[in-house]
Amino acid sequence: MKILISILIFPSFLLAAPHSTTVDDQVARALREPHTIAINRIKNVGSEGHSRLMQLAFSDKWPMKTRWKSFMLLTLSQGNQSLPVIKKALLDKVWYMRSAGLTALQSIEPQGAKKWAYKMLNSDPALMVRMKALEVLSHDRSEKVTELFWKKVYSADSLYREKSLWIREDLARLLLRQPREKDLQRWVRMLHDSDKQLQGLASQALEKLHDRNLVETTSVSYWQEKYPSQNL
């Protein structure tokens, strides 16, 4: 079974013989090694190794895991020199390559990653890419990003058949860290959302905004009675 799994994850040419020294063999071993060892191995192979990783990363005929690992190894070993390759991934038609591009950019150029993350959270069609973008922006408490978080809580792509996707709860939890007075009515709206998880988070936000520490005021029903939906 382990042999079968290996074949499914790695194309046959990547299953290198233990003592082979061709570029393909060196790349094959690097893709199975921990990052630190793999990066040194690829650096020793030089430009040919980078070219082979580039081919693997951007070829549709290889499986996701091979492409992802090839791309990450390529960018980690090249550092800032890989920025053009990262941009290529950020614009790729395949969602996991866009996610890989954002992951790589975050480690090499954090400020640039935030700019891309803002765009991707706002409009990328893939939920997993938007989740990665949210992770990149999770420590940003600027007005611009906070407003985007509120927008995405009620965005159509945060719902499926009128049911919440998990990104809504993640957005609400980030907003809850430091609720703003001016967002009171937004929290009240969330308090009456059909999603019970969001209702609970909204009640916590309202407690913070009212500076109330009594246990009973954390209940959703307390706040729903205080702020009935018809007052929205």
Protein backbone atom coordinates (compact mmCIF):
# COMPACT_ATOMS: atom_id res chain seq x y z
CA MET A 1 0.00 0.00 0.00
CA LYS A 2 2.84 2.47 0.84
CA ILE A 3 4.39 1.81 -2.58
CA LEU A 4 1.08 2.50 -4.32
CA ILE A 5 0.63 5.77 -2.41
CA SER A 6 4.13 6.88 -3.37
CA ILE A 7 3.45 6.22 -7.04
CA LEU A 8 0.22 8.23 -6.89
CA ILE A 9 1.96 11.19 -5.25
CA PHE A 10 5.21 11.12 -7.21
CA PRO A 11 5.54 10.39 -10.96
CA SER A 12 7.73 7.40 -11.70
CA PHE A 13 10.78 9.42 -12.72
CA LEU A 14 10.74 11.08 -9.29
CA LEU A 15 11.26 7.76 -7.50
CA ALA A 16 15.02 8.07 -7.73
CA ALA A 17 17.53 5.34 -7.14
CA PRO A 18 19.42 5.86 -3.85
CA HIS A 19 22.81 6.71 -5.34
CA SER A 20 21.88 8.33 -8.67
CA THR A 21 23.34 11.75 -9.46
CA THR A 22 21.35 12.99 -12.48
CA VAL A 23 19.40 16.24 -12.14
CA ASP A 24 16.10 14.34 -12.13
CA ASP A 25 17.36 12.06 -9.39
CA GLN A 26 18.58 14.97 -7.27
CA VAL A 27 15.23 16.74 -7.68
CA ALA A 28 13.39 13.52 -6.85
CA ARG A 29 15.27 13.11 -3.58
CA ALA A 30 14.85 16.79 -2.70
CA LEU A 31 11.07 16.49 -3.04
CA ARG A 32 11.05 13.73 -0.44
CA GLU A 33 13.38 15.44 2.04
CA PRO A 34 12.73 18.04 4.79
CA HIS A 35 12.85 21.63 3.53
CA THR A 36 16.26 22.53 4.95
CA ILE A 37 17.99 19.53 3.40
CA ALA A 38 16.00 19.82 0.19
CA ILE A 39 16.89 23.49 -0.28
CA ASN A 40 20.61 22.79 0.09
CA ARG A 41 20.38 19.90 -2.34
CA ILE A 42 18.64 22.03 -4.98
CA LYS A 43 21.14 24.86 -4.50
CA ASN A 44 23.93 22.38 -5.14
CA VAL A 45 22.24 21.19 -8.33
CA GLY A 46 22.05 24.78 -9.56
CA SER A 47 20.04 26.26 -12.42
CA GLU A 48 19.20 22.87 -13.93
CA GLY A 49 17.47 21.86 -10.73
CA HIS A 50 15.52 25.11 -10.67
CA SER A 51 14.46 24.61 -14.28
CA ARG A 52 13.23 21.11 -13.53
CA LEU A 53 11.25 22.30 -10.51
CA MET A 54 9.74 25.04 -12.65
CA GLN A 55 8.60 22.45 -15.20
CA LEU A 56 7.04 20.30 -12.51
CA ALA A 57 5.30 23.19 -10.76
CA PHE A 58 3.61 24.59 -13.83
CA SER A 59 2.71 21.44 -15.73
CA ASP A 60 -0.90 20.27 -15.64
CA LYS A 61 0.12 16.64 -16.02
CA TRP A 62 1.52 16.32 -12.49
CA PRO A 63 -0.64 15.88 -9.38
CA MET A 64 -1.26 18.71 -6.92
CA LYS A 65 1.19 17.52 -4.26
CA THR A 66 4.06 17.28 -6.74
CA ARG A 67 3.33 20.72 -8.17
CA TRP A 68 2.94 22.33 -4.75
CA LYS A 69 6.16 20.86 -3.33
CA SER A 70 8.09 21.69 -6.48
CA PHE A 71 6.92 25.29 -6.39
CA MET A 72 7.63 25.78 -2.70
CA LEU A 73 11.09 24.24 -2.99
CA LEU A 74 11.85 26.42 -6.00
CA THR A 75 10.83 29.64 -4.27
CA LEU A 76 12.46 28.78 -0.94
CA SER A 77 15.75 28.01 -2.64
CA GLN A 78 15.72 31.16 -4.80
CA GLY A 79 14.41 33.70 -2.30
CA ASN A 80 13.79 37.17 -3.78
CA GLN A 81 14.89 35.95 -7.20
CA SER A 82 11.72 33.87 -7.36
CA LEU A 83 9.35 36.88 -7.31
CA PRO A 84 8.53 36.62 -11.07
CA VAL A 85 7.74 32.92 -10.58
CA ILE A 86 5.55 33.73 -7.59
CA LYS A 87 3.60 36.29 -9.61
CA LYS A 88 3.05 33.64 -12.28
CA ALA A 89 1.59 31.34 -9.61
CA LEU A 90 -0.62 34.09 -8.18
CA LEU A 91 -2.24 34.44 -11.61
CA ASP A 92 -2.49 30.72 -12.31
CA LYS A 93 -5.84 29.24 -13.34
CA VAL A 94 -5.48 26.47 -10.75
CA TRP A 95 -6.55 27.45 -7.23
CA TYR A 96 -3.82 25.61 -5.32
CA MET A 97 -1.11 27.32 -7.34
CA ARG A 98 -2.58 30.72 -6.45
CA SER A 99 -2.61 29.63 -2.82
CA ALA A 100 0.98 28.41 -3.11
CA GLY A 101 1.97 31.74 -4.64
CA LEU A 102 0.49 33.64 -1.72
CA THR A 103 2.17 31.30 0.78
CA ALA A 104 5.55 31.82 -0.87
CA LEU A 105 5.12 35.59 -1.14
CA GLN A 106 4.21 35.82 2.54
CA SER A 107 7.60 34.39 3.52
CA ILE A 108 9.61 36.44 1.02
CA GLU A 109 7.80 39.78 0.82
CA PRO A 110 5.17 40.13 3.60
CA GLN A 111 3.92 43.58 2.58
CA GLY A 112 3.45 42.47 -1.01
CA ALA A 113 1.60 39.40 0.25
CA LYS A 114 -0.87 41.63 2.12
CA LYS A 115 -1.68 43.56 -1.05
CA TRP A 116 -2.31 40.36 -2.97
CA ALA A 117 -4.25 38.87 -0.07
CA TYR A 118 -6.59 41.87 -0.05
CA LYS A 119 -7.38 41.35 -3.74
CA MET A 120 -7.79 37.61 -3.34
CA LEU A 121 -10.02 37.75 -0.29
CA ASN A 122 -12.18 40.26 -2.09
CA SER A 123 -12.61 38.41 -5.37
CA ASP A 124 -10.86 35.07 -5.80
CA PRO A 125 -13.40 32.43 -6.87
CA ALA A 126 -11.82 29.65 -4.77
CA LEU A 127 -12.79 29.41 -1.10
CA MET A 128 -9.44 27.87 -0.15
CA VAL A 129 -7.57 30.79 -1.70
CA ARG A 130 -9.79 33.26 0.14
CA MET A 131 -9.11 31.36 3.37
CA LYS A 132 -5.37 31.65 2.76
CA ALA A 133 -5.77 35.35 2.02
CA LEU A 134 -7.68 35.79 5.28
CA GLU A 135 -4.84 34.08 7.14
CA VAL A 136 -2.35 36.53 5.61
CA LEU A 137 -4.51 39.49 6.66
CA SER A 138 -5.42 38.12 10.08
CA HIS A 139 -3.07 40.47 11.99
CA ASP A 140 -3.98 43.57 9.99
CA ARG A 141 -6.39 45.81 11.93
CA SER A 142 -6.42 48.71 9.50
CA GLU A 143 -9.67 50.43 8.56
CA LYS A 144 -9.44 49.18 4.99
CA VAL A 145 -9.02 45.53 5.95
CA THR A 146 -11.65 45.70 8.69
CA GLU A 147 -14.18 47.05 6.21
CA LEU A 148 -13.32 44.23 3.80
CA PHE A 149 -13.90 41.68 6.57
CA TRP A 150 -17.37 43.10 7.18
CA LYS A 151 -18.11 43.07 3.48
CA LYS A 152 -17.10 39.43 3.16
CA VAL A 153 -19.25 38.32 6.12
CA TYR A 154 -22.28 39.04 3.93
CA SER A 155 -20.76 38.38 0.53
CA ALA A 156 -22.49 35.81 -1.69
CA ASP A 157 -19.28 33.78 -1.96
CA SER A 158 -19.27 33.32 1.84
CA LEU A 159 -22.53 31.38 1.55
CA TYR A 160 -23.62 28.19 -0.16
CA ARG A 161 -27.34 27.69 -0.69
CA GLU A 162 -27.94 30.39 1.91
CA LYS A 163 -25.87 28.50 4.49
CA SER A 164 -22.66 29.86 5.97
CA LEU A 165 -19.31 28.66 4.72
CA TRP A 166 -16.75 28.41 7.51
CA ILE A 167 -14.99 31.58 6.36
CA ARG A 168 -17.86 33.64 7.85
CA GLU A 169 -17.08 32.43 11.36
CA ASP A 170 -13.37 33.10 10.84
CA LEU A 171 -14.14 36.63 9.66
CA ALA A 172 -16.42 37.27 12.64
CA ARG A 173 -13.82 35.98 15.10
CA LEU A 174 -11.22 38.36 13.69
CA LEU A 175 -13.67 41.26 13.91
CA LEU A 176 -14.48 40.27 17.49
CA ARG A 177 -10.91 40.85 18.67
CA GLN A 178 -11.49 44.59 18.77
CA PRO A 179 -15.14 45.52 18.13
CA ARG A 180 -15.68 49.14 17.13
CA GLU A 181 -18.45 51.36 18.50
CA LYS A 182 -19.41 52.41 15.00
CA ASP A 183 -20.09 48.77 14.08
CA LEU A 184 -22.80 48.34 16.72
CA GLN A 185 -25.61 47.94 14.19
CA ARG A 186 -23.52 45.49 12.17
CA TRP A 187 -23.15 43.32 15.26
CA VAL A 188 -26.86 43.60 15.91
CA ARG A 189 -27.52 42.42 12.38
CA MET A 190 -25.22 39.47 12.97
CA LEU A 191 -27.02 38.77 16.23
CA HIS A 192 -30.10 37.92 14.15
CA ASP A 193 -28.24 35.95 11.49
CA SER A 194 -29.52 32.45 10.74
CA ASP A 195 -26.07 31.09 11.67
CA LYS A 196 -26.08 30.23 15.39
CA GLN A 197 -22.28 30.49 15.60
CA LEU A 198 -22.39 34.05 14.33
CA GLN A 199 -25.17 34.89 16.78
CA GLY A 200 -22.94 33.76 19.64
CA LEU A 201 -19.99 35.80 18.41
CA ALA A 202 -22.21 38.84 17.98
CA SER A 203 -23.42 38.54 21.58
CA GLN A 204 -19.79 38.52 22.75
CA ALA A 205 -19.08 41.63 20.69
CA LEU A 206 -22.10 43.43 22.15
CA GLU A 207 -20.94 42.58 25.66
CA LYS A 208 -17.56 44.13 24.91
CA LEU A 209 -19.15 47.22 23.42
CA HIS A 210 -21.38 47.67 26.47
CA ASP A 211 -18.53 46.91 28.86
CA ARG A 212 -20.63 44.28 30.59
CA ASN A 213 -18.95 41.40 32.41
CA LEU A 214 -21.94 39.65 33.91
CA VAL A 215 -22.15 36.03 32.78
CA GLU A 216 -25.83 36.24 31.95
CA THR A 217 -25.31 39.04 29.43
CA THR A 218 -23.32 36.72 27.16
CA SER A 219 -26.48 34.86 26.20
CA VAL A 220 -27.80 35.42 22.71
CA SER A 221 -31.38 35.72 23.97
CA TYR A 222 -30.45 38.59 26.30
CA TRP A 223 -29.06 40.66 23.43
CA GLN A 224 -31.79 39.67 21.00
CA GLU A 225 -34.33 40.97 23.51
CA LYS A 226 -32.33 44.16 23.97
CA TYR A 227 -31.94 44.60 20.21
CA PRO A 228 -34.99 43.06 18.52
CA SER A 229 -34.69 42.45 14.79
CA GLN A 230 -37.44 44.88 13.88
CA ASN A 231 -35.22 47.72 15.05
CA LEU A 232 -32.57 46.97 12.41
